[in-house]
């Protein structure tokens, strides 16, 4: 079975400056369109109700959308800061 994977390549920014919180820089990226593994993209799952019957219930993972997004945060920090 073939699997499609997305790979993120991380490279240091060309110009950086130390911020007040000790980070050098932050990068936030979002990637959309990943099929929800909980409901396989349908937006619902089948569960037993109180009467022992199967019923459609909104997927807790994707909230019924059928897809997920990934939010990727990269924080650049000093590797081994030397204080003078």
C-alpha atoms as a PDB file:
ATOM      1  CA  UNK A   1       0.000   0.000   0.000  1.00  0.00           C
ATOM      2  CA  UNK A   2       1.339   3.439  -0.917  1.00  0.00           C
ATOM      3  CA  UNK A   3       1.432   6.228   1.653  1.00  0.00           C
ATOM      4  CA  UNK A   4       1.754   9.926   0.845  1.00  0.00           C
ATOM      5  CA  UNK A   5       3.868  11.835   3.346  1.00  0.00           C
ATOM      6  CA  UNK A   6       4.572  15.535   3.778  1.00  0.00           C
ATOM      7  CA  UNK A   7       8.087  16.464   4.856  1.00  0.00           C
ATOM      8  CA  UNK A   8       9.051  19.766   6.471  1.00  0.00           C
ATOM      9  CA  UNK A   9      12.552  21.088   5.839  1.00  0.00           C
ATOM     10  CA  UNK A  10      13.836  23.363   8.599  1.00  0.00           C
ATOM     11  CA  UNK A  11      16.514  25.924   7.773  1.00  0.00           C
ATOM     12  CA  UNK A  12      17.707  28.781   9.981  1.00  0.00           C
ATOM     13  CA  UNK A  13      16.532  32.215   8.843  1.00  0.00           C
ATOM     14  CA  UNK A  14      19.107  34.470   7.168  1.00  0.00           C
ATOM     15  CA  UNK A  15      18.731  37.326   9.638  1.00  0.00           C
ATOM     16  CA  UNK A  16      17.922  36.827  13.316  1.00  0.00           C
ATOM     17  CA  UNK A  17      17.859  38.910  16.490  1.00  0.00           C
ATOM     18  CA  UNK A  18      17.406  37.844  20.114  1.00  0.00           C
ATOM     19  CA  UNK A  19      13.951  38.831  21.428  1.00  0.00           C
ATOM     20  CA  UNK A  20      13.065  39.864  25.000  1.00  0.00           C
ATOM     21  CA  UNK A  21      11.620  36.408  25.749  1.00  0.00           C
ATOM     22  CA  UNK A  22      14.916  34.695  24.852  1.00  0.00           C
ATOM     23  CA  UNK A  23      13.831  33.412  21.445  1.00  0.00           C
ATOM     24  CA  UNK A  24      15.578  34.425  18.268  1.00  0.00           C
ATOM     25  CA  UNK A  25      12.593  33.987  15.964  1.00  0.00           C
ATOM     26  CA  UNK A  26       9.271  32.155  15.638  1.00  0.00           C
ATOM     27  CA  UNK A  27       7.723  30.697  12.531  1.00  0.00           C
ATOM     28  CA  UNK A  28       4.130  29.456  12.411  1.00  0.00           C
ATOM     29  CA  UNK A  29       2.819  27.426   9.505  1.00  0.00           C
ATOM     30  CA  UNK A  30      -0.453  25.592   8.892  1.00  0.00           C
ATOM     31  CA  UNK A  31      -1.058  22.727   6.499  1.00  0.00           C
ATOM     32  CA  UNK A  32      -4.631  21.679   5.718  1.00  0.00           C
ATOM     33  CA  UNK A  33      -6.425  18.794   4.103  1.00  0.00           C
ATOM     34  CA  UNK A  34      -5.293  15.765   6.106  1.00  0.00           C
ATOM     35  CA  UNK A  35      -7.968  13.058   6.168  1.00  0.00           C
ATOM     36  CA  UNK A  36      -9.141  12.433   9.720  1.00  0.00           C
ATOM     37  CA  UNK A  37      -7.887   8.994  10.827  1.00  0.00           C
ATOM     38  CA  UNK A  38     -10.693   8.645  13.394  1.00  0.00           C
ATOM     39  CA  UNK A  39     -13.607   8.780  10.924  1.00  0.00           C
ATOM     40  CA  UNK A  40     -11.701   8.219   7.648  1.00  0.00           C
ATOM     41  CA  UNK A  41     -12.976  11.534   6.315  1.00  0.00           C
ATOM     42  CA  UNK A  42     -16.706  10.908   6.791  1.00  0.00           C
ATOM     43  CA  UNK A  43     -17.121  13.332   9.714  1.00  0.00           C
ATOM     44  CA  UNK A  44     -18.943  10.782  11.862  1.00  0.00           C
ATOM     45  CA  UNK A  45     -18.355   7.477  13.648  1.00  0.00           C
ATOM     46  CA  UNK A  46     -20.767   4.680  14.527  1.00  0.00           C
ATOM     47  CA  UNK A  47     -21.385   4.111  18.250  1.00  0.00           C
ATOM     48  CA  UNK A  48     -23.816   2.103  20.350  1.00  0.00           C
ATOM     49  CA  UNK A  49     -26.530   4.226  21.928  1.00  0.00           C
ATOM     50  CA  UNK A  50     -28.301   3.566  25.247  1.00  0.00           C
ATOM     51  CA  UNK A  51     -30.613   1.025  23.549  1.00  0.00           C
ATOM     52  CA  UNK A  52     -27.738  -1.017  22.083  1.00  0.00           C
ATOM     53  CA  UNK A  53     -28.387   0.278  18.561  1.00  0.00           C
ATOM     54  CA  UNK A  54     -25.774   1.768  16.261  1.00  0.00           C
ATOM     55  CA  UNK A  55     -26.086   5.469  15.519  1.00  0.00           C
ATOM     56  CA  UNK A  56     -24.053   8.068  13.654  1.00  0.00           C
ATOM     57  CA  UNK A  57     -22.216  10.445  16.012  1.00  0.00           C
ATOM     58  CA  UNK A  58     -20.115  13.463  15.060  1.00  0.00           C
ATOM     59  CA  UNK A  59     -16.404  12.637  15.120  1.00  0.00           C
ATOM     60  CA  UNK A  60     -14.679  14.038  18.224  1.00  0.00           C
ATOM     61  CA  UNK A  61     -11.331  14.426  16.457  1.00  0.00           C
ATOM     62  CA  UNK A  62     -12.384  16.546  13.444  1.00  0.00           C
ATOM     63  CA  UNK A  63     -15.692  17.905  14.840  1.00  0.00           C
ATOM     64  CA  UNK A  64     -17.557  16.596  11.790  1.00  0.00           C
ATOM     65  CA  UNK A  65     -15.382  18.223   9.110  1.00  0.00           C
ATOM     66  CA  UNK A  66     -13.696  14.995   7.998  1.00  0.00           C
ATOM     67  CA  UNK A  67     -10.278  16.588   7.756  1.00  0.00           C
ATOM     68  CA  UNK A  68      -7.589  17.947  10.055  1.00  0.00           C
ATOM     69  CA  UNK A  69      -4.954  20.663   9.800  1.00  0.00           C
ATOM     70  CA  UNK A  70      -1.462  20.682  11.219  1.00  0.00           C
ATOM     71  CA  UNK A  71      -0.118  23.755  12.985  1.00  0.00           C
ATOM     72  CA  UNK A  72       3.676  23.758  13.041  1.00  0.00           C
ATOM     73  CA  UNK A  73       5.545  26.145  15.322  1.00  0.00           C
ATOM     74  CA  UNK A  74       9.321  26.529  15.063  1.00  0.00           C
ATOM     75  CA  UNK A  75      11.075  28.543  17.764  1.00  0.00           C
ATOM     76  CA  UNK A  76      14.696  29.483  17.184  1.00  0.00           C
ATOM     77  CA  UNK A  77      16.690  29.659  20.429  1.00  0.00           C
ATOM     78  CA  UNK A  78      20.362  30.093  21.289  1.00  0.00           C
ATOM     79  CA  UNK A  79      21.928  26.625  21.211  1.00  0.00           C
ATOM     80  CA  UNK A  80      24.324  27.011  24.115  1.00  0.00           C
ATOM     81  CA  UNK A  81      24.282  30.636  25.240  1.00  0.00           C
ATOM     82  CA  UNK A  82      27.499  31.976  26.753  1.00  0.00           C
ATOM     83  CA  UNK A  83      27.086  34.865  29.164  1.00  0.00           C
ATOM     84  CA  UNK A  84      29.930  37.353  29.442  1.00  0.00           C
END
